[in-house]
Amino acid sequence: MKNVKALSIAALATLSLISFGSFAESISVTSSTLDGAESKIAAQAQEQGAQYKITEANTNNRVHMTAELYK
């Protein structure tokens, strides 16, 4: 039983170090066009030296777009 607890603690410690070493940030922008919204996301990603993945886009009267930035 002690071995299982020790292994679990070691695994959690390792996973916590991995998560601190990675980078992910969710951002949202608005614009009048899809291209304009994506351009804003691309500019923010470039400022932070990150890549992006668009996770949501909504077009009612204006475009609302959400993306995840990651390195």
PDB file of N, CA and C in Angstrom:
ATOM      1  N   MET A   1       0.816  -1.186   0.000  1.00  0.00           N
ATOM      2  CA  MET A   1       0.000   0.000   0.000  1.00  0.00           C
ATOM      3  C   MET A   1       0.863   1.255   0.000  1.00  0.00           C
ATOM      4  N   LYS A   2       1.999   1.225   0.739  1.00  0.00           N
ATOM      5  CA  LYS A   2       2.891   2.378   0.766  1.00  0.00           C
ATOM      6  C   LYS A   2       3.469   2.649  -0.616  1.00  0.00           C
ATOM      7  N   ASN A   3       3.768   1.572  -1.362  1.00  0.00           N
ATOM      8  CA  ASN A   3       4.319   1.739  -2.698  1.00  0.00           C
ATOM      9  C   ASN A   3       3.328   2.429  -3.628  1.00  0.00           C
ATOM     10  N   VAL A   4       2.057   2.093  -3.511  1.00  0.00           N
ATOM     11  CA  VAL A   4       1.030   2.703  -4.353  1.00  0.00           C
ATOM     12  C   VAL A   4       0.900   4.193  -4.029  1.00  0.00           C
ATOM     13  N   LYS A   5       0.903   4.535  -2.751  1.00  0.00           N
ATOM     14  CA  LYS A   5       0.817   5.942  -2.356  1.00  0.00           C
ATOM     15  C   LYS A   5       2.044   6.714  -2.824  1.00  0.00           C
ATOM     16  N   ALA A   6       3.217   6.115  -2.664  1.00  0.00           N
ATOM     17  CA  ALA A   6       4.448   6.779  -3.085  1.00  0.00           C
ATOM     18  C   ALA A   6       4.455   6.985  -4.598  1.00  0.00           C
ATOM     19  N   LEU A   7       3.991   5.990  -5.335  1.00  0.00           N
ATOM     20  CA  LEU A   7       3.930   6.089  -6.795  1.00  0.00           C
ATOM     21  C   LEU A   7       2.924   7.158  -7.214  1.00  0.00           C
ATOM     22  N   SER A   8       1.797   7.216  -6.540  1.00  0.00           N
ATOM     23  CA  SER A   8       0.784   8.225  -6.853  1.00  0.00           C
ATOM     24  C   SER A   8       1.314   9.630  -6.590  1.00  0.00           C
ATOM     25  N   ILE A   9       1.983   9.816  -5.489  1.00  0.00           N
ATOM     26  CA  ILE A   9       2.542  11.127  -5.157  1.00  0.00           C
ATOM     27  C   ILE A   9       3.606  11.518  -6.173  1.00  0.00           C
ATOM     28  N   ALA A  10       4.442  10.576  -6.560  1.00  0.00           N
ATOM     29  CA  ALA A  10       5.486  10.858  -7.548  1.00  0.00           C
ATOM     30  C   ALA A  10       4.862  11.223  -8.898  1.00  0.00           C
ATOM     31  N   ALA A  11       3.803  10.526  -9.278  1.00  0.00           N
ATOM     32  CA  ALA A  11       3.136  10.816 -10.547  1.00  0.00           C
ATOM     33  C   ALA A  11       2.498  12.205 -10.528  1.00  0.00           C
ATOM     34  N   LEU A  12       1.862  12.552  -9.431  1.00  0.00           N
ATOM     35  CA  LEU A  12       1.250  13.880  -9.319  1.00  0.00           C
ATOM     36  C   LEU A  12       2.300  14.980  -9.351  1.00  0.00           C
ATOM     37  N   ALA A  13       3.404  14.756  -8.697  1.00  0.00           N
ATOM     38  CA  ALA A  13       4.478  15.749  -8.697  1.00  0.00           C
ATOM     39  C   ALA A  13       5.020  15.957 -10.109  1.00  0.00           C
ATOM     40  N   THR A  14       5.202  14.875 -10.833  1.00  0.00           N
ATOM     41  CA  THR A  14       5.697  14.960 -12.211  1.00  0.00           C
ATOM     42  C   THR A  14       4.708  15.697 -13.096  1.00  0.00           C
ATOM     43  N   LEU A  15       3.431  15.372 -12.982  1.00  0.00           N
ATOM     44  CA  LEU A  15       2.419  16.035 -13.800  1.00  0.00           C
ATOM     45  C   LEU A  15       2.317  17.521 -13.471  1.00  0.00           C
ATOM     46  N   SER A  16       2.463  17.882 -12.234  1.00  0.00           N
ATOM     47  CA  SER A  16       2.385  19.298 -11.880  1.00  0.00           C
ATOM     48  C   SER A  16       3.568  20.066 -12.466  1.00  0.00           C
ATOM     49  N   LEU A  17       4.725  19.467 -12.534  1.00  0.00           N
ATOM     50  CA  LEU A  17       5.885  20.122 -13.139  1.00  0.00           C
ATOM     51  C   LEU A  17       5.685  20.298 -14.630  1.00  0.00           C
ATOM     52  N   ILE A  18       5.089  19.315 -15.269  1.00  0.00           N
ATOM     53  CA  ILE A  18       4.832  19.402 -16.706  1.00  0.00           C
ATOM     54  C   ILE A  18       3.857  20.534 -16.990  1.00  0.00           C
ATOM     55  N   SER A  19       2.806  20.657 -16.213  1.00  0.00           N
ATOM     56  CA  SER A  19       1.814  21.692 -16.467  1.00  0.00           C
ATOM     57  C   SER A  19       2.385  23.090 -16.248  1.00  0.00           C
ATOM     58  N   PHE A  20       3.315  23.263 -15.295  1.00  0.00           N
ATOM     59  CA  PHE A  20       3.924  24.559 -15.088  1.00  0.00           C
ATOM     60  C   PHE A  20       4.869  24.916 -16.222  1.00  0.00           C
ATOM     61  N   GLY A  21       5.417  23.934 -16.897  1.00  0.00           N
ATOM     62  CA  GLY A  21       6.337  24.194 -17.981  1.00  0.00           C
ATOM     63  C   GLY A  21       5.647  24.514 -19.291  1.00  0.00           C
ATOM     64  N   SER A  22       4.371  24.223 -19.423  1.00  0.00           N
ATOM     65  CA  SER A  22       3.666  24.492 -20.669  1.00  0.00           C
ATOM     66  C   SER A  22       2.937  25.826 -20.578  1.00  0.00           C
ATOM     67  N   PHE A  23       2.432  26.281 -21.715  1.00  0.00           N
ATOM     68  CA  PHE A  23       1.764  27.578 -21.780  1.00  0.00           C
ATOM     69  C   PHE A  23       0.473  27.408 -22.553  1.00  0.00           C
ATOM     70  N   ALA A  24      -0.616  27.862 -22.003  1.00  0.00           N
ATOM     71  CA  ALA A  24      -1.892  27.901 -22.716  1.00  0.00           C
ATOM     72  C   ALA A  24      -2.695  29.067 -22.178  1.00  0.00           C
ATOM     73  N   GLU A  25      -3.290  29.799 -23.088  1.00  0.00           N
ATOM     74  CA  GLU A  25      -4.090  30.959 -22.699  1.00  0.00           C
ATOM     75  C   GLU A  25      -5.267  31.071 -23.646  1.00  0.00           C
ATOM     76  N   SER A  26      -6.430  31.307 -23.110  1.00  0.00           N
ATOM     77  CA  SER A  26      -7.627  31.503 -23.914  1.00  0.00           C
ATOM     78  C   SER A  26      -7.840  32.998 -24.116  1.00  0.00           C
ATOM     79  N   ILE A  27      -8.076  33.394 -25.371  1.00  0.00           N
ATOM     80  CA  ILE A  27      -8.333  34.799 -25.664  1.00  0.00           C
ATOM     81  C   ILE A  27      -9.616  34.915 -26.482  1.00  0.00           C
ATOM     82  N   SER A  28     -10.271  36.059 -26.392  1.00  0.00           N
ATOM     83  CA  SER A  28     -11.475  36.347 -27.171  1.00  0.00           C
ATOM     84  C   SER A  28     -11.328  37.719 -27.803  1.00  0.00           C
ATOM     85  N   VAL A  29     -11.825  37.846 -29.031  1.00  0.00           N
ATOM     86  CA  VAL A  29     -11.786  39.117 -29.744  1.00  0.00           C
ATOM     87  C   VAL A  29     -13.128  39.334 -30.434  1.00  0.00           C
ATOM     88  N   THR A  30     -13.385  40.571 -30.830  1.00  0.00           N
ATOM     89  CA  THR A  30     -14.558  40.888 -31.648  1.00  0.00           C
ATOM     90  C   THR A  30     -14.110  41.708 -32.839  1.00  0.00           C
ATOM     91  N   SER A  31     -14.865  41.595 -33.923  1.00  0.00           N
ATOM     92  CA  SER A  31     -14.578  42.339 -35.134  1.00  0.00           C
ATOM     93  C   SER A  31     -15.839  42.344 -35.995  1.00  0.00           C
ATOM     94  N   SER A  32     -15.795  43.056 -37.093  1.00  0.00           N
ATOM     95  CA  SER A  32     -16.949  43.075 -37.994  1.00  0.00           C
ATOM     96  C   SER A  32     -16.883  41.949 -39.024  1.00  0.00           C
ATOM     97  N   THR A  33     -15.696  41.305 -39.177  1.00  0.00           N
ATOM     98  CA  THR A  33     -15.547  40.202 -40.127  1.00  0.00           C
ATOM     99  C   THR A  33     -14.775  39.049 -39.504  1.00  0.00           C
ATOM    100  N   LEU A  34     -14.922  37.874 -40.095  1.00  0.00           N
ATOM    101  CA  LEU A  34     -14.150  36.710 -39.639  1.00  0.00           C
ATOM    102  C   LEU A  34     -12.661  36.942 -39.829  1.00  0.00           C
ATOM    103  N   ASP A  35     -12.292  37.495 -40.985  1.00  0.00           N
ATOM    104  CA  ASP A  35     -10.868  37.762 -41.250  1.00  0.00           C
ATOM    105  C   ASP A  35     -10.292  38.762 -40.249  1.00  0.00           C
ATOM    106  N   GLY A  36     -11.075  39.775 -39.903  1.00  0.00           N
ATOM    107  CA  GLY A  36     -10.616  40.763 -38.939  1.00  0.00           C
ATOM    108  C   GLY A  36     -10.398  40.157 -37.564  1.00  0.00           C
ATOM    109  N   ALA A  37     -11.324  39.287 -37.145  1.00  0.00           N
ATOM    110  CA  ALA A  37     -11.189  38.633 -35.839  1.00  0.00           C
ATOM    111  C   ALA A  37      -9.966  37.724 -35.821  1.00  0.00           C
ATOM    112  N   GLU A  38      -9.770  36.954 -36.888  1.00  0.00           N
ATOM    113  CA  GLU A  38      -8.608  36.064 -36.923  1.00  0.00           C
ATOM    114  C   GLU A  38      -7.307  36.866 -36.961  1.00  0.00           C
ATOM    115  N   SER A  39      -7.319  37.997 -37.642  1.00  0.00           N
ATOM    116  CA  SER A  39      -6.122  38.845 -37.674  1.00  0.00           C
ATOM    117  C   SER A  39      -5.757  39.341 -36.279  1.00  0.00           C
ATOM    118  N   LYS A  40      -6.765  39.696 -35.484  1.00  0.00           N
ATOM    119  CA  LYS A  40      -6.508  40.141 -34.114  1.00  0.00           C
ATOM    120  C   LYS A  40      -5.920  39.013 -33.274  1.00  0.00           C
ATOM    121  N   ILE A  41      -6.458  37.801 -33.441  1.00  0.00           N
ATOM    122  CA  ILE A  41      -5.930  36.651 -32.698  1.00  0.00           C
ATOM    123  C   ILE A  41      -4.499  36.362 -33.132  1.00  0.00           C
ATOM    124  N   ALA A  42      -4.253  36.386 -34.442  1.00  0.00           N
ATOM    125  CA  ALA A  42      -2.899  36.131 -34.946  1.00  0.00           C
ATOM    126  C   ALA A  42      -1.908  37.153 -34.413  1.00  0.00           C
ATOM    127  N   ALA A  43      -2.326  38.419 -34.318  1.00  0.00           N
ATOM    128  CA  ALA A  43      -1.435  39.464 -33.810  1.00  0.00           C
ATOM    129  C   ALA A  43      -1.103  39.231 -32.337  1.00  0.00           C
ATOM    130  N   GLN A  44      -2.101  38.853 -31.547  1.00  0.00           N
ATOM    131  CA  GLN A  44      -1.838  38.591 -30.126  1.00  0.00           C
ATOM    132  C   GLN A  44      -0.924  37.377 -29.963  1.00  0.00           C
ATOM    133  N   ALA A  45      -1.143  36.351 -30.774  1.00  0.00           N
ATOM    134  CA  ALA A  45      -0.281  35.169 -30.710  1.00  0.00           C
ATOM    135  C   ALA A  45       1.155  35.530 -31.075  1.00  0.00           C
ATOM    136  N   GLN A  46       1.317  36.338 -32.112  1.00  0.00           N
ATOM    137  CA  GLN A  46       2.664  36.731 -32.537  1.00  0.00           C
ATOM    138  C   GLN A  46       3.362  37.554 -31.456  1.00  0.00           C
ATOM    139  N   GLU A  47       2.641  38.444 -30.800  1.00  0.00           N
ATOM    140  CA  GLU A  47       3.226  39.241 -29.716  1.00  0.00           C
ATOM    141  C   GLU A  47       3.788  38.368 -28.610  1.00  0.00           C
ATOM    142  N   GLN A  48       3.119  37.236 -28.356  1.00  0.00           N
ATOM    143  CA  GLN A  48       3.529  36.348 -27.269  1.00  0.00           C
ATOM    144  C   GLN A  48       4.403  35.193 -27.751  1.00  0.00           C
ATOM    145  N   GLY A  49       4.729  35.179 -29.033  1.00  0.00           N
ATOM    146  CA  GLY A  49       5.557  34.108 -29.580  1.00  0.00           C
ATOM    147  C   GLY A  49       4.863  32.756 -29.496  1.00  0.00           C
ATOM    148  N   ALA A  50       3.547  32.752 -29.715  1.00  0.00           N
ATOM    149  CA  ALA A  50       2.760  31.531 -29.568  1.00  0.00           C
ATOM    150  C   ALA A  50       2.038  31.196 -30.874  1.00  0.00           C
ATOM    151  N   GLN A  51       1.526  30.004 -30.933  1.00  0.00           N
ATOM    152  CA  GLN A  51       0.644  29.584 -32.017  1.00  0.00           C
ATOM    153  C   GLN A  51      -0.781  29.643 -31.485  1.00  0.00           C
ATOM    154  N   TYR A  52      -1.764  29.510 -32.368  1.00  0.00           N
ATOM    155  CA  TYR A  52      -3.139  29.564 -31.899  1.00  0.00           C
ATOM    156  C   TYR A  52      -4.020  28.529 -32.598  1.00  0.00           C
ATOM    157  N   LYS A  53      -5.090  28.193 -31.918  1.00  0.00           N
ATOM    158  CA  LYS A  53      -6.106  27.299 -32.458  1.00  0.00           C
ATOM    159  C   LYS A  53      -7.458  27.933 -32.150  1.00  0.00           C
ATOM    160  N   ILE A  54      -8.232  28.242 -33.176  1.00  0.00           N
ATOM    161  CA  ILE A  54      -9.541  28.848 -32.973  1.00  0.00           C
ATOM    162  C   ILE A  54     -10.475  27.786 -32.423  1.00  0.00           C
ATOM    163  N   THR A  55     -11.119  28.090 -31.317  1.00  0.00           N
ATOM    164  CA  THR A  55     -11.999  27.125 -30.654  1.00  0.00           C
ATOM    165  C   THR A  55     -13.472  27.480 -30.804  1.00  0.00           C
ATOM    166  N   GLU A  56     -13.780  28.726 -31.207  1.00  0.00           N
ATOM    167  CA  GLU A  56     -15.174  29.144 -31.333  1.00  0.00           C
ATOM    168  C   GLU A  56     -15.256  30.405 -32.161  1.00  0.00           C
ATOM    169  N   ALA A  57     -16.268  30.488 -33.000  1.00  0.00           N
ATOM    170  CA  ALA A  57     -16.554  31.722 -33.739  1.00  0.00           C
ATOM    171  C   ALA A  57     -18.069  31.849 -33.848  1.00  0.00           C
ATOM    172  N   ASN A  58     -18.556  33.061 -33.573  1.00  0.00           N
ATOM    173  CA  ASN A  58     -19.984  33.321 -33.591  1.00  0.00           C
ATOM    174  C   ASN A  58     -20.228  34.586 -34.399  1.00  0.00           C
ATOM    175  N   THR A  59     -21.130  34.512 -35.353  1.00  0.00           N
ATOM    176  CA  THR A  59     -21.444  35.686 -36.162  1.00  0.00           C
ATOM    177  C   THR A  59     -22.914  36.039 -36.010  1.00  0.00           C
ATOM    178  N   ASN A  60     -23.187  37.044 -35.219  1.00  0.00           N
ATOM    179  CA  ASN A  60     -24.525  37.629 -35.155  1.00  0.00           C
ATOM    180  C   ASN A  60     -24.408  38.972 -35.869  1.00  0.00           C
ATOM    181  N   ASN A  61     -24.469  40.068 -35.179  1.00  0.00           N
ATOM    182  CA  ASN A  61     -24.235  41.370 -35.807  1.00  0.00           C
ATOM    183  C   ASN A  61     -22.748  41.655 -35.944  1.00  0.00           C
ATOM    184  N   ARG A  62     -21.952  41.064 -35.074  1.00  0.00           N
ATOM    185  CA  ARG A  62     -20.494  41.176 -35.111  1.00  0.00           C
ATOM    186  C   ARG A  62     -19.909  39.786 -34.930  1.00  0.00           C
ATOM    187  N   VAL A  63     -18.641  39.650 -35.205  1.00  0.00           N
ATOM    188  CA  VAL A  63     -17.960  38.370 -35.036  1.00  0.00           C
ATOM    189  C   VAL A  63     -17.336  38.320 -33.649  1.00  0.00           C
ATOM    190  N   HIS A  64     -17.593  37.251 -32.923  1.00  0.00           N
ATOM    191  CA  HIS A  64     -16.934  36.977 -31.639  1.00  0.00           C
ATOM    192  C   HIS A  64     -16.155  35.685 -31.841  1.00  0.00           C
ATOM    193  N   MET A  65     -14.853  35.714 -31.573  1.00  0.00           N
ATOM    194  CA  MET A  65     -14.003  34.547 -31.805  1.00  0.00           C
ATOM    195  C   MET A  65     -13.159  34.281 -30.566  1.00  0.00           C
ATOM    196  N   THR A  66     -13.031  33.010 -30.220  1.00  0.00           N
ATOM    197  CA  THR A  66     -12.213  32.584 -29.100  1.00  0.00           C
ATOM    198  C   THR A  66     -11.149  31.623 -29.611  1.00  0.00           C
ATOM    199  N   ALA A  67      -9.955  31.721 -29.042  1.00  0.00           N
ATOM    200  CA  ALA A  67      -8.851  30.845 -29.452  1.00  0.00           C
ATOM    201  C   ALA A  67      -7.992  30.505 -28.250  1.00  0.00           C
ATOM    202  N   GLU A  68      -7.271  29.409 -28.360  1.00  0.00           N
ATOM    203  CA  GLU A  68      -6.274  28.997 -27.373  1.00  0.00           C
ATOM    204  C   GLU A  68      -4.901  29.311 -27.936  1.00  0.00           C
ATOM    205  N   LEU A  69      -4.108  30.051 -27.182  1.00  0.00           N
ATOM    206  CA  LEU A  69      -2.712  30.289 -27.546  1.00  0.00           C
ATOM    207  C   LEU A  69      -1.864  29.236 -26.858  1.00  0.00           C
ATOM    208  N   TYR A  70      -0.878  28.709 -27.556  1.00  0.00           N
ATOM    209  CA  TYR A  70      -0.008  27.709 -26.962  1.00  0.00           C
ATOM    210  C   TYR A  70       1.392  27.806 -27.539  1.00  0.00           C
ATOM    211  N   LYS A  71       2.363  27.367 -26.747  1.00  0.00           N
ATOM    212  CA  LYS A  71       3.764  27.347 -27.189  1.00  0.00           C
ATOM    213  C   LYS A  71       4.221  25.925 -27.291  1.00  0.00           C
TER     214      LYS A  71
END
